[in-house]
Amino acid sequence: ATKPYVLRANISVIQKETGFVNGLIAVLH
């Protein structure tokens, strides 16, 4: 109510060449 605070998160997927998902990378702004 007293302080604005907004973040934007860009999500990228870490994948092997086979398409297997190894994890995620989230970049916060």
mmCIF file of all heavy atoms, coordinates in Angstrom:
data_MODEL
# 
_entry.id   MODEL 
# 
loop_
_atom_site.group_PDB 
_atom_site.id 
_atom_site.type_symbol 
_atom_site.label_atom_id 
_atom_site.label_alt_id 
_atom_site.label_comp_id 
_atom_site.label_asym_id 
_atom_site.label_entity_id 
_atom_site.label_seq_id 
_atom_site.pdbx_PDB_ins_code 
_atom_site.Cartn_x 
_atom_site.Cartn_y 
_atom_site.Cartn_z 
_atom_site.occupancy 
_atom_site.B_iso_or_equiv 
_atom_site.pdbx_formal_charge 
_atom_site.auth_seq_id 
_atom_site.auth_comp_id 
_atom_site.auth_asym_id 
_atom_site.auth_atom_id 
_atom_site.pdbx_PDB_model_num 
ATOM 1   N N   . ALA A 1 1  ? 0.815  -1.207  0.000   1.00 0.00 ? 1  ALA A N   1 
ATOM 2   C CA  . ALA A 1 1  ? 0.000  0.000   0.000   1.00 0.00 ? 1  ALA A CA  1 
ATOM 3   C C   . ALA A 1 1  ? 0.851  1.260   0.000   1.00 0.00 ? 1  ALA A C   1 
ATOM 4   O O   . ALA A 1 1  ? 0.434  2.310   -0.492  1.00 0.00 ? 1  ALA A O   1 
ATOM 5   C CB  . ALA A 1 1  ? -0.938 -0.008  1.207   1.00 0.00 ? 1  ALA A CB  1 
ATOM 6   N N   . THR A 1 2  ? 2.064  1.147   0.545   1.00 0.00 ? 2  THR A N   1 
ATOM 7   C CA  . THR A 1 2  ? 2.926  2.330   0.663   1.00 0.00 ? 2  THR A CA  1 
ATOM 8   C C   . THR A 1 2  ? 4.096  2.328   -0.308  1.00 0.00 ? 2  THR A C   1 
ATOM 9   O O   . THR A 1 2  ? 4.712  3.367   -0.519  1.00 0.00 ? 2  THR A O   1 
ATOM 10  C CB  . THR A 1 2  ? 3.484  2.422   2.096   1.00 0.00 ? 2  THR A CB  1 
ATOM 11  O OG1 . THR A 1 2  ? 4.204  1.223   2.395   1.00 0.00 ? 2  THR A OG1 1 
ATOM 12  C CG2 . THR A 1 2  ? 2.346  2.591   3.105   1.00 0.00 ? 2  THR A CG2 1 
ATOM 13  N N   . LYS A 1 3  ? 4.413  1.161   -0.887  1.00 0.00 ? 3  LYS A N   1 
ATOM 14  C CA  . LYS A 1 3  ? 5.620  1.084   -1.715  1.00 0.00 ? 3  LYS A CA  1 
ATOM 15  C C   . LYS A 1 3  ? 5.368  0.200   -2.934  1.00 0.00 ? 3  LYS A C   1 
ATOM 16  O O   . LYS A 1 3  ? 5.079  -0.995  -2.786  1.00 0.00 ? 3  LYS A O   1 
ATOM 17  C CB  . LYS A 1 3  ? 6.777  0.520   -0.895  1.00 0.00 ? 3  LYS A CB  1 
ATOM 18  C CG  . LYS A 1 3  ? 8.098  0.489   -1.650  1.00 0.00 ? 3  LYS A CG  1 
ATOM 19  C CD  . LYS A 1 3  ? 9.207  -0.069  -0.772  1.00 0.00 ? 3  LYS A CD  1 
ATOM 20  C CE  . LYS A 1 3  ? 10.530 -0.127  -1.533  1.00 0.00 ? 3  LYS A CE  1 
ATOM 21  N NZ  . LYS A 1 3  ? 11.612 -0.700  -0.714  1.00 0.00 ? 3  LYS A NZ  1 
ATOM 22  N N   . PRO A 1 4  ? 5.497  0.768   -4.132  1.00 0.00 ? 4  PRO A N   1 
ATOM 23  C CA  . PRO A 1 4  ? 5.350  -0.067  -5.336  1.00 0.00 ? 4  PRO A CA  1 
ATOM 24  C C   . PRO A 1 4  ? 6.611  -0.892  -5.575  1.00 0.00 ? 4  PRO A C   1 
ATOM 25  O O   . PRO A 1 4  ? 7.724  -0.413  -5.348  1.00 0.00 ? 4  PRO A O   1 
ATOM 26  C CB  . PRO A 1 4  ? 5.146  0.972   -6.444  1.00 0.00 ? 4  PRO A CB  1 
ATOM 27  C CG  . PRO A 1 4  ? 5.838  2.197   -5.957  1.00 0.00 ? 4  PRO A CG  1 
ATOM 28  C CD  . PRO A 1 4  ? 5.693  2.196   -4.457  1.00 0.00 ? 4  PRO A CD  1 
ATOM 29  N N   . TYR A 1 5  ? 6.436  -2.146  -6.003  1.00 0.00 ? 5  TYR A N   1 
ATOM 30  C CA  . TYR A 1 5  ? 7.582  -2.994  -6.311  1.00 0.00 ? 5  TYR A CA  1 
ATOM 31  C C   . TYR A 1 5  ? 7.140  -4.050  -7.322  1.00 0.00 ? 5  TYR A C   1 
ATOM 32  O O   . TYR A 1 5  ? 6.332  -4.927  -7.013  1.00 0.00 ? 5  TYR A O   1 
ATOM 33  C CB  . TYR A 1 5  ? 8.105  -3.671  -5.043  1.00 0.00 ? 5  TYR A CB  1 
ATOM 34  C CG  . TYR A 1 5  ? 9.409  -4.408  -5.247  1.00 0.00 ? 5  TYR A CG  1 
ATOM 35  C CD1 . TYR A 1 5  ? 10.494 -3.791  -5.864  1.00 0.00 ? 5  TYR A CD1 1 
ATOM 36  C CD2 . TYR A 1 5  ? 9.553  -5.720  -4.831  1.00 0.00 ? 5  TYR A CD2 1 
ATOM 37  C CE1 . TYR A 1 5  ? 11.681 -4.460  -6.050  1.00 0.00 ? 5  TYR A CE1 1 
ATOM 38  C CE2 . TYR A 1 5  ? 10.741 -6.404  -5.008  1.00 0.00 ? 5  TYR A CE2 1 
ATOM 39  C CZ  . TYR A 1 5  ? 11.803 -5.763  -5.629  1.00 0.00 ? 5  TYR A CZ  1 
ATOM 40  O OH  . TYR A 1 5  ? 12.993 -6.431  -5.818  1.00 0.00 ? 5  TYR A OH  1 
ATOM 41  N N   . VAL A 1 6  ? 7.664  -3.938  -8.556  1.00 0.00 ? 6  VAL A N   1 
ATOM 42  C CA  . VAL A 1 6  ? 7.245  -4.831  -9.645  1.00 0.00 ? 6  VAL A CA  1 
ATOM 43  C C   . VAL A 1 6  ? 8.487  -5.412  -10.318 1.00 0.00 ? 6  VAL A C   1 
ATOM 44  O O   . VAL A 1 6  ? 9.447  -4.678  -10.620 1.00 0.00 ? 6  VAL A O   1 
ATOM 45  C CB  . VAL A 1 6  ? 6.396  -4.079  -10.688 1.00 0.00 ? 6  VAL A CB  1 
ATOM 46  C CG1 . VAL A 1 6  ? 5.914  -5.042  -11.767 1.00 0.00 ? 6  VAL A CG1 1 
ATOM 47  C CG2 . VAL A 1 6  ? 5.213  -3.383  -10.025 1.00 0.00 ? 6  VAL A CG2 1 
ATOM 48  N N   . LEU A 1 7  ? 8.476  -6.738  -10.539 1.00 0.00 ? 7  LEU A N   1 
ATOM 49  C CA  . LEU A 1 7  ? 9.565  -7.425  -11.236 1.00 0.00 ? 7  LEU A CA  1 
ATOM 50  C C   . LEU A 1 7  ? 9.012  -8.098  -12.482 1.00 0.00 ? 7  LEU A C   1 
ATOM 51  O O   . LEU A 1 7  ? 7.845  -8.500  -12.529 1.00 0.00 ? 7  LEU A O   1 
ATOM 52  C CB  . LEU A 1 7  ? 10.212 -8.485  -10.336 1.00 0.00 ? 7  LEU A CB  1 
ATOM 53  C CG  . LEU A 1 7  ? 10.829 -8.024  -9.017  1.00 0.00 ? 7  LEU A CG  1 
ATOM 54  C CD1 . LEU A 1 7  ? 11.360 -9.222  -8.245  1.00 0.00 ? 7  LEU A CD1 1 
ATOM 55  C CD2 . LEU A 1 7  ? 11.940 -7.015  -9.243  1.00 0.00 ? 7  LEU A CD2 1 
ATOM 56  N N   . ARG A 1 8  ? 9.890  -8.235  -13.486 1.00 0.00 ? 8  ARG A N   1 
ATOM 57  C CA  . ARG A 1 8  ? 9.551  -9.009  -14.677 1.00 0.00 ? 8  ARG A CA  1 
ATOM 58  C C   . ARG A 1 8  ? 10.499 -10.188 -14.762 1.00 0.00 ? 8  ARG A C   1 
ATOM 59  O O   . ARG A 1 8  ? 11.730 -10.007 -14.674 1.00 0.00 ? 8  ARG A O   1 
ATOM 60  C CB  . ARG A 1 8  ? 9.654  -8.155  -15.940 1.00 0.00 ? 8  ARG A CB  1 
ATOM 61  C CG  . ARG A 1 8  ? 9.221  -8.939  -17.191 1.00 0.00 ? 8  ARG A CG  1 
ATOM 62  C CD  . ARG A 1 8  ? 9.212  -8.098  -18.447 1.00 0.00 ? 8  ARG A CD  1 
ATOM 63  N NE  . ARG A 1 8  ? 10.540 -7.693  -18.847 1.00 0.00 ? 8  ARG A NE  1 
ATOM 64  C CZ  . ARG A 1 8  ? 10.956 -6.436  -18.944 1.00 0.00 ? 8  ARG A CZ  1 
ATOM 65  N NH1 . ARG A 1 8  ? 10.112 -5.453  -18.664 1.00 0.00 ? 8  ARG A NH1 1 
ATOM 66  N NH2 . ARG A 1 8  ? 12.181 -6.129  -19.315 1.00 0.00 ? 8  ARG A NH2 1 
ATOM 67  N N   . ALA A 1 9  ? 9.954  -11.387 -14.916 1.00 0.00 ? 9  ALA A N   1 
ATOM 68  C CA  . ALA A 1 9  ? 10.754 -12.612 -14.987 1.00 0.00 ? 9  ALA A CA  1 
ATOM 69  C C   . ALA A 1 9  ? 10.674 -13.198 -16.388 1.00 0.00 ? 9  ALA A C   1 
ATOM 70  O O   . ALA A 1 9  ? 9.590  -13.471 -16.892 1.00 0.00 ? 9  ALA A O   1 
ATOM 71  C CB  . ALA A 1 9  ? 10.258 -13.632 -13.966 1.00 0.00 ? 9  ALA A CB  1 
ATOM 72  N N   . ASN A 1 10 ? 11.839 -13.359 -17.023 1.00 0.00 ? 10 ASN A N   1 
ATOM 73  C CA  . ASN A 1 10 ? 11.936 -14.029 -18.326 1.00 0.00 ? 10 ASN A CA  1 
ATOM 74  C C   . ASN A 1 10 ? 12.437 -15.452 -18.093 1.00 0.00 ? 10 ASN A C   1 
ATOM 75  O O   . ASN A 1 10 ? 13.516 -15.649 -17.526 1.00 0.00 ? 10 ASN A O   1 
ATOM 76  C CB  . ASN A 1 10 ? 12.889 -13.275 -19.251 1.00 0.00 ? 10 ASN A CB  1 
ATOM 77  C CG  . ASN A 1 10 ? 12.365 -11.898 -19.610 1.00 0.00 ? 10 ASN A CG  1 
ATOM 78  O OD1 . ASN A 1 10 ? 11.180 -11.723 -19.825 1.00 0.00 ? 10 ASN A OD1 1 
ATOM 79  N ND2 . ASN A 1 10 ? 13.255 -10.910 -19.651 1.00 0.00 ? 10 ASN A ND2 1 
ATOM 80  N N   . ILE A 1 11 ? 11.655 -16.441 -18.511 1.00 0.00 ? 11 ILE A N   1 
ATOM 81  C CA  . ILE A 1 11 ? 11.960 -17.847 -18.254 1.00 0.00 ? 11 ILE A CA  1 
ATOM 82  C C   . ILE A 1 11 ? 12.547 -18.487 -19.501 1.00 0.00 ? 11 ILE A C   1 
ATOM 83  O O   . ILE A 1 11 ? 11.985 -18.368 -20.592 1.00 0.00 ? 11 ILE A O   1 
ATOM 84  C CB  . ILE A 1 11 ? 10.704 -18.616 -17.815 1.00 0.00 ? 11 ILE A CB  1 
ATOM 85  C CG1 . ILE A 1 11 ? 10.014 -17.909 -16.648 1.00 0.00 ? 11 ILE A CG1 1 
ATOM 86  C CG2 . ILE A 1 11 ? 11.046 -20.048 -17.444 1.00 0.00 ? 11 ILE A CG2 1 
ATOM 87  C CD1 . ILE A 1 11 ? 10.824 -17.824 -15.384 1.00 0.00 ? 11 ILE A CD1 1 
ATOM 88  N N   . SER A 1 12 ? 13.706 -19.140 -19.341 1.00 0.00 ? 12 SER A N   1 
ATOM 89  C CA  . SER A 1 12 ? 14.327 -19.909 -20.430 1.00 0.00 ? 12 SER A CA  1 
ATOM 90  C C   . SER A 1 12 ? 14.505 -21.345 -19.974 1.00 0.00 ? 12 SER A C   1 
ATOM 91  O O   . SER A 1 12 ? 14.780 -21.605 -18.799 1.00 0.00 ? 12 SER A O   1 
ATOM 92  C CB  . SER A 1 12 ? 15.689 -19.310 -20.809 1.00 0.00 ? 12 SER A CB  1 
ATOM 93  O OG  . SER A 1 12 ? 15.544 -17.981 -21.258 1.00 0.00 ? 12 SER A OG  1 
ATOM 94  N N   . VAL A 1 13 ? 14.368 -22.272 -20.917 1.00 0.00 ? 13 VAL A N   1 
ATOM 95  C CA  . VAL A 1 13 ? 14.486 -23.705 -20.611 1.00 0.00 ? 13 VAL A CA  1 
ATOM 96  C C   . VAL A 1 13 ? 15.872 -24.190 -21.005 1.00 0.00 ? 13 VAL A C   1 
ATOM 97  O O   . VAL A 1 13 ? 16.366 -23.879 -22.095 1.00 0.00 ? 13 VAL A O   1 
ATOM 98  C CB  . VAL A 1 13 ? 13.405 -24.520 -21.350 1.00 0.00 ? 13 VAL A CB  1 
ATOM 99  C CG1 . VAL A 1 13 ? 13.535 -26.009 -21.030 1.00 0.00 ? 13 VAL A CG1 1 
ATOM 100 C CG2 . VAL A 1 13 ? 12.022 -24.025 -20.970 1.00 0.00 ? 13 VAL A CG2 1 
ATOM 101 N N   . ILE A 1 14 ? 16.514 -24.957 -20.103 1.00 0.00 ? 14 ILE A N   1 
ATOM 102 C CA  . ILE A 1 14 ? 17.806 -25.593 -20.399 1.00 0.00 ? 14 ILE A CA  1 
ATOM 103 C C   . ILE A 1 14 ? 17.512 -26.985 -20.935 1.00 0.00 ? 14 ILE A C   1 
ATOM 104 O O   . ILE A 1 14 ? 16.962 -27.832 -20.227 1.00 0.00 ? 14 ILE A O   1 
ATOM 105 C CB  . ILE A 1 14 ? 18.690 -25.686 -19.141 1.00 0.00 ? 14 ILE A CB  1 
ATOM 106 C CG1 . ILE A 1 14 ? 18.839 -24.309 -18.489 1.00 0.00 ? 14 ILE A CG1 1 
ATOM 107 C CG2 . ILE A 1 14 ? 20.053 -26.263 -19.489 1.00 0.00 ? 14 ILE A CG2 1 
ATOM 108 C CD1 . ILE A 1 14 ? 19.534 -24.366 -17.149 1.00 0.00 ? 14 ILE A CD1 1 
ATOM 109 N N   . GLN A 1 15 ? 17.880 -27.231 -22.195 1.00 0.00 ? 15 GLN A N   1 
ATOM 110 C CA  . GLN A 1 15 ? 17.581 -28.506 -22.833 1.00 0.00 ? 15 GLN A CA  1 
ATOM 111 C C   . GLN A 1 15 ? 18.832 -29.132 -23.431 1.00 0.00 ? 15 GLN A C   1 
ATOM 112 O O   . GLN A 1 15 ? 19.749 -28.435 -23.869 1.00 0.00 ? 15 GLN A O   1 
ATOM 113 C CB  . GLN A 1 15 ? 16.548 -28.321 -23.948 1.00 0.00 ? 15 GLN A CB  1 
ATOM 114 C CG  . GLN A 1 15 ? 15.124 -28.098 -23.462 1.00 0.00 ? 15 GLN A CG  1 
ATOM 115 C CD  . GLN A 1 15 ? 14.158 -27.983 -24.615 1.00 0.00 ? 15 GLN A CD  1 
ATOM 116 O OE1 . GLN A 1 15 ? 14.429 -27.260 -25.571 1.00 0.00 ? 15 GLN A OE1 1 
ATOM 117 N NE2 . GLN A 1 15 ? 13.045 -28.682 -24.541 1.00 0.00 ? 15 GLN A NE2 1 
ATOM 118 N N   . LYS A 1 16 ? 18.846 -30.478 -23.448 1.00 0.00 ? 16 LYS A N   1 
ATOM 119 C CA  . LYS A 1 16 ? 19.880 -31.201 -24.177 1.00 0.00 ? 16 LYS A CA  1 
ATOM 120 C C   . LYS A 1 16 ? 19.519 -31.252 -25.656 1.00 0.00 ? 16 LYS A C   1 
ATOM 121 O O   . LYS A 1 16 ? 18.430 -30.846 -26.061 1.00 0.00 ? 16 LYS A O   1 
ATOM 122 C CB  . LYS A 1 16 ? 20.017 -32.623 -23.631 1.00 0.00 ? 16 LYS A CB  1 
ATOM 123 C CG  . LYS A 1 16 ? 20.597 -32.696 -22.230 1.00 0.00 ? 16 LYS A CG  1 
ATOM 124 C CD  . LYS A 1 16 ? 20.790 -34.144 -21.822 1.00 0.00 ? 16 LYS A CD  1 
ATOM 125 C CE  . LYS A 1 16 ? 21.456 -34.249 -20.466 1.00 0.00 ? 16 LYS A CE  1 
ATOM 126 N NZ  . LYS A 1 16 ? 21.669 -35.664 -20.053 1.00 0.00 ? 16 LYS A NZ  1 
ATOM 127 N N   . GLU A 1 17 ? 20.457 -31.753 -26.447 1.00 0.00 ? 17 GLU A N   1 
ATOM 128 C CA  . GLU A 1 17 ? 20.187 -31.867 -27.880 1.00 0.00 ? 17 GLU A CA  1 
ATOM 129 C C   . GLU A 1 17 ? 19.031 -32.816 -28.160 1.00 0.00 ? 17 GLU A C   1 
ATOM 130 O O   . GLU A 1 17 ? 18.332 -32.694 -29.161 1.00 0.00 ? 17 GLU A O   1 
ATOM 131 C CB  . GLU A 1 17 ? 21.448 -32.357 -28.601 1.00 0.00 ? 17 GLU A CB  1 
ATOM 132 C CG  . GLU A 1 17 ? 22.592 -31.344 -28.558 1.00 0.00 ? 17 GLU A CG  1 
ATOM 133 C CD  . GLU A 1 17 ? 23.822 -31.868 -29.274 1.00 0.00 ? 17 GLU A CD  1 
ATOM 134 O OE1 . GLU A 1 17 ? 23.778 -33.025 -29.733 1.00 0.00 ? 17 GLU A OE1 1 
ATOM 135 O OE2 . GLU A 1 17 ? 24.812 -31.127 -29.369 1.00 0.00 ? 17 GLU A OE2 1 
ATOM 136 N N   . THR A 1 18 ? 18.829 -33.767 -27.246 1.00 0.00 ? 18 THR A N   1 
ATOM 137 C CA  . THR A 1 18 ? 17.737 -34.727 -27.416 1.00 0.00 ? 18 THR A CA  1 
ATOM 138 C C   . THR A 1 18 ? 16.387 -34.130 -27.052 1.00 0.00 ? 18 THR A C   1 
ATOM 139 O O   . THR A 1 18 ? 15.354 -34.757 -27.262 1.00 0.00 ? 18 THR A O   1 
ATOM 140 C CB  . THR A 1 18 ? 17.987 -35.967 -26.541 1.00 0.00 ? 18 THR A CB  1 
ATOM 141 O OG1 . THR A 1 18 ? 18.113 -35.549 -25.173 1.00 0.00 ? 18 THR A OG1 1 
ATOM 142 C CG2 . THR A 1 18 ? 19.263 -36.677 -26.963 1.00 0.00 ? 18 THR A CG2 1 
ATOM 143 N N   . GLY A 1 19 ? 16.389 -32.922 -26.487 1.00 0.00 ? 19 GLY A N   1 
ATOM 144 C CA  . GLY A 1 19 ? 15.137 -32.287 -26.069 1.00 0.00 ? 19 GLY A CA  1 
ATOM 145 C C   . GLY A 1 19 ? 14.807 -32.508 -24.613 1.00 0.00 ? 19 GLY A C   1 
ATOM 146 O O   . GLY A 1 19 ? 13.819 -31.973 -24.111 1.00 0.00 ? 19 GLY A O   1 
ATOM 147 N N   . PHE A 1 20 ? 15.639 -33.277 -23.888 1.00 0.00 ? 20 PHE A N   1 
ATOM 148 C CA  . PHE A 1 20 ? 15.401 -33.530 -22.468 1.00 0.00 ? 20 PHE A CA  1 
ATOM 149 C C   . PHE A 1 20 ? 15.633 -32.248 -21.676 1.00 0.00 ? 20 PHE A C   1 
ATOM 150 O O   . PHE A 1 20 ? 16.657 -31.591 -21.828 1.00 0.00 ? 20 PHE A O   1 
ATOM 151 C CB  . PHE A 1 20 ? 16.338 -34.639 -21.972 1.00 0.00 ? 20 PHE A CB  1 
ATOM 152 C CG  . PHE A 1 20 ? 16.143 -34.991 -20.530 1.00 0.00 ? 20 PHE A CG  1 
ATOM 153 C CD1 . PHE A 1 20 ? 15.084 -35.794 -20.139 1.00 0.00 ? 20 PHE A CD1 1 
ATOM 154 C CD2 . PHE A 1 20 ? 17.016 -34.507 -19.566 1.00 0.00 ? 20 PHE A CD2 1 
ATOM 155 C CE1 . PHE A 1 20 ? 14.907 -36.125 -18.811 1.00 0.00 ? 20 PHE A CE1 1 
ATOM 156 C CE2 . PHE A 1 20 ? 16.846 -34.833 -18.239 1.00 0.00 ? 20 PHE A CE2 1 
ATOM 157 C CZ  . PHE A 1 20 ? 15.785 -35.649 -17.866 1.00 0.00 ? 20 PHE A CZ  1 
ATOM 158 N N   . VAL A 1 21 ? 14.654 -31.882 -20.837 1.00 0.00 ? 21 VAL A N   1 
ATOM 159 C CA  . VAL A 1 21 ? 14.727 -30.635 -20.052 1.00 0.00 ? 21 VAL A CA  1 
ATOM 160 C C   . VAL A 1 21 ? 15.609 -30.865 -18.826 1.00 0.00 ? 21 VAL A C   1 
ATOM 161 O O   . VAL A 1 21 ? 15.314 -31.729 -17.994 1.00 0.00 ? 21 VAL A O   1 
ATOM 162 C CB  . VAL A 1 21 ? 13.320 -30.172 -19.624 1.00 0.00 ? 21 VAL A CB  1 
ATOM 163 C CG1 . VAL A 1 21 ? 13.416 -28.940 -18.728 1.00 0.00 ? 21 VAL A CG1 1 
ATOM 164 C CG2 . VAL A 1 21 ? 12.476 -29.870 -20.854 1.00 0.00 ? 21 VAL A CG2 1 
ATOM 165 N N   . ASN A 1 22 ? 16.685 -30.086 -18.739 1.00 0.00 ? 22 ASN A N   1 
ATOM 166 C CA  . ASN A 1 22 ? 17.597 -30.183 -17.602 1.00 0.00 ? 22 ASN A CA  1 
ATOM 167 C C   . ASN A 1 22 ? 17.255 -29.212 -16.487 1.00 0.00 ? 22 ASN A C   1 
ATOM 168 O O   . ASN A 1 22 ? 17.675 -29.401 -15.343 1.00 0.00 ? 22 ASN A O   1 
ATOM 169 C CB  . ASN A 1 22 ? 19.045 -29.924 -18.044 1.00 0.00 ? 22 ASN A CB  1 
ATOM 170 C CG  . ASN A 1 22 ? 19.736 -31.210 -18.416 1.00 0.00 ? 22 ASN A CG  1 
ATOM 171 O OD1 . ASN A 1 22 ? 19.202 -32.285 -18.210 1.00 0.00 ? 22 ASN A OD1 1 
ATOM 172 N ND2 . ASN A 1 22 ? 20.922 -31.099 -18.974 1.00 0.00 ? 22 ASN A ND2 1 
ATOM 173 N N   . GLY A 1 23 ? 16.535 -28.130 -16.798 1.00 0.00 ? 23 GLY A N   1 
ATOM 174 C CA  . GLY A 1 23 ? 16.222 -27.138 -15.782 1.00 0.00 ? 23 GLY A CA  1 
ATOM 175 C C   . GLY A 1 23 ? 15.717 -25.854 -16.414 1.00 0.00 ? 23 GLY A C   1 
ATOM 176 O O   . GLY A 1 23 ? 15.406 -25.791 -17.611 1.00 0.00 ? 23 GLY A O   1 
ATOM 177 N N   . LEU A 1 24 ? 15.648 -24.821 -15.570 1.00 0.00 ? 24 LEU A N   1 
ATOM 178 C CA  . LEU A 1 24 ? 15.151 -23.516 -16.000 1.00 0.00 ? 24 LEU A CA  1 
ATOM 179 C C   . LEU A 1 24 ? 16.136 -22.430 -15.608 1.00 0.00 ? 24 LEU A C   1 
ATOM 180 O O   . LEU A 1 24 ? 16.884 -22.569 -14.627 1.00 0.00 ? 24 LEU A O   1 
ATOM 181 C CB  . LEU A 1 24 ? 13.798 -23.215 -15.343 1.00 0.00 ? 24 LEU A CB  1 
ATOM 182 C CG  . LEU A 1 24 ? 12.613 -24.121 -15.680 1.00 0.00 ? 24 LEU A CG  1 
ATOM 183 C CD1 . LEU A 1 24 ? 11.430 -23.748 -14.807 1.00 0.00 ? 24 LEU A CD1 1 
ATOM 184 C CD2 . LEU A 1 24 ? 12.237 -23.992 -17.148 1.00 0.00 ? 24 LEU A CD2 1 
ATOM 185 N N   . ILE A 1 25 ? 16.141 -21.350 -16.390 1.00 0.00 ? 25 ILE A N   1 
ATOM 186 C CA  . ILE A 1 25 ? 16.863 -20.127 -16.047 1.00 0.00 ? 25 ILE A CA  1 
ATOM 187 C C   . ILE A 1 25 ? 15.837 -18.996 -16.006 1.00 0.00 ? 25 ILE A C   1 
ATOM 188 O O   . ILE A 1 25 ? 15.117 -18.773 -16.980 1.00 0.00 ? 25 ILE A O   1 
ATOM 189 C CB  . ILE A 1 25 ? 17.961 -19.793 -17.070 1.00 0.00 ? 25 ILE A CB  1 
ATOM 190 C CG1 . ILE A 1 25 ? 19.070 -20.845 -17.038 1.00 0.00 ? 25 ILE A CG1 1 
ATOM 191 C CG2 . ILE A 1 25 ? 18.548 -18.405 -16.790 1.00 0.00 ? 25 ILE A CG2 1 
ATOM 192 C CD1 . ILE A 1 25 ? 19.942 -20.796 -15.805 1.00 0.00 ? 25 ILE A CD1 1 
ATOM 193 N N   . ALA A 1 26 ? 15.763 -18.320 -14.858 1.00 0.00 ? 26 ALA A N   1 
ATOM 194 C CA  . ALA A 1 26 ? 14.855 -17.179 -14.715 1.00 0.00 ? 26 ALA A CA  1 
ATOM 195 C C   . ALA A 1 26 ? 15.689 -15.914 -14.534 1.00 0.00 ? 26 ALA A C   1 
ATOM 196 O O   . ALA A 1 26 ? 16.558 -15.870 -13.650 1.00 0.00 ? 26 ALA A O   1 
ATOM 197 C CB  . ALA A 1 26 ? 13.921 -17.373 -13.529 1.00 0.00 ? 26 ALA A CB  1 
ATOM 198 N N   . VAL A 1 27 ? 15.478 -14.935 -15.389 1.00 0.00 ? 27 VAL A N   1 
ATOM 199 C CA  . VAL A 1 27 ? 16.178 -13.646 -15.309 1.00 0.00 ? 27 VAL A CA  1 
ATOM 200 C C   . VAL A 1 27 ? 15.176 -12.607 -14.821 1.00 0.00 ? 27 VAL A C   1 
ATOM 201 O O   . VAL A 1 27 ? 14.123 -12.417 -15.433 1.00 0.00 ? 27 VAL A O   1 
ATOM 202 C CB  . VAL A 1 27 ? 16.764 -13.237 -16.678 1.00 0.00 ? 27 VAL A CB  1 
ATOM 203 C CG1 . VAL A 1 27 ? 17.502 -11.909 -16.550 1.00 0.00 ? 27 VAL A CG1 1 
ATOM 204 C CG2 . VAL A 1 27 ? 17.704 -14.321 -17.200 1.00 0.00 ? 27 VAL A CG2 1 
ATOM 205 N N   . LEU A 1 28 ? 15.508 -11.955 -13.694 1.00 0.00 ? 28 LEU A N   1 
ATOM 206 C CA  . LEU A 1 28 ? 14.606 -10.986 -13.073 1.00 0.00 ? 28 LEU A CA  1 
ATOM 207 C C   . LEU A 1 28 ? 15.053 -9.561  -13.374 1.00 0.00 ? 28 LEU A C   1 
ATOM 208 O O   . LEU A 1 28 ? 16.241 -9.239  -13.266 1.00 0.00 ? 28 LEU A O   1 
ATOM 209 C CB  . LEU A 1 28 ? 14.572 -11.196 -11.553 1.00 0.00 ? 28 LEU A CB  1 
ATOM 210 C CG  . LEU A 1 28 ? 14.200 -12.608 -11.052 1.00 0.00 ? 28 LEU A CG  1 
ATOM 211 C CD1 . LEU A 1 28 ? 14.218 -12.638 -9.535  1.00 0.00 ? 28 LEU A CD1 1 
ATOM 212 C CD2 . LEU A 1 28 ? 12.846 -13.034 -11.577 1.00 0.00 ? 28 LEU A CD2 1 
ATOM 213 N N   . HIS A 1 29 ? 14.117 -8.718  -13.760 1.00 0.00 ? 29 HIS A N   1 
ATOM 214 C CA  . HIS A 1 29 ? 14.363 -7.296  -13.999 1.00 0.00 ? 29 HIS A CA  1 
ATOM 215 C C   . HIS A 1 29 ? 13.454 -6.488  -13.078 1.00 0.00 ? 29 HIS A C   1 
ATOM 216 O O   . HIS A 1 29 ? 12.256 -6.771  -12.979 1.00 0.00 ? 29 HIS A O   1 
ATOM 217 C CB  . HIS A 1 29 ? 14.064 -6.915  -15.455 1.00 0.00 ? 29 HIS A CB  1 
ATOM 218 C CG  . HIS A 1 29 ? 14.765 -7.773  -16.466 1.00 0.00 ? 29 HIS A CG  1 
ATOM 219 N ND1 . HIS A 1 29 ? 16.045 -7.527  -16.895 1.00 0.00 ? 29 HIS A ND1 1 
ATOM 220 C CD2 . HIS A 1 29 ? 14.358 -8.898  -17.125 1.00 0.00 ? 29 HIS A CD2 1 
ATOM 221 C CE1 . HIS A 1 29 ? 16.389 -8.445  -17.782 1.00 0.00 ? 29 HIS A CE1 1 
ATOM 222 N NE2 . HIS A 1 29 ? 15.382 -9.300  -17.929 1.00 0.00 ? 29 HIS A NE2 1 
# 
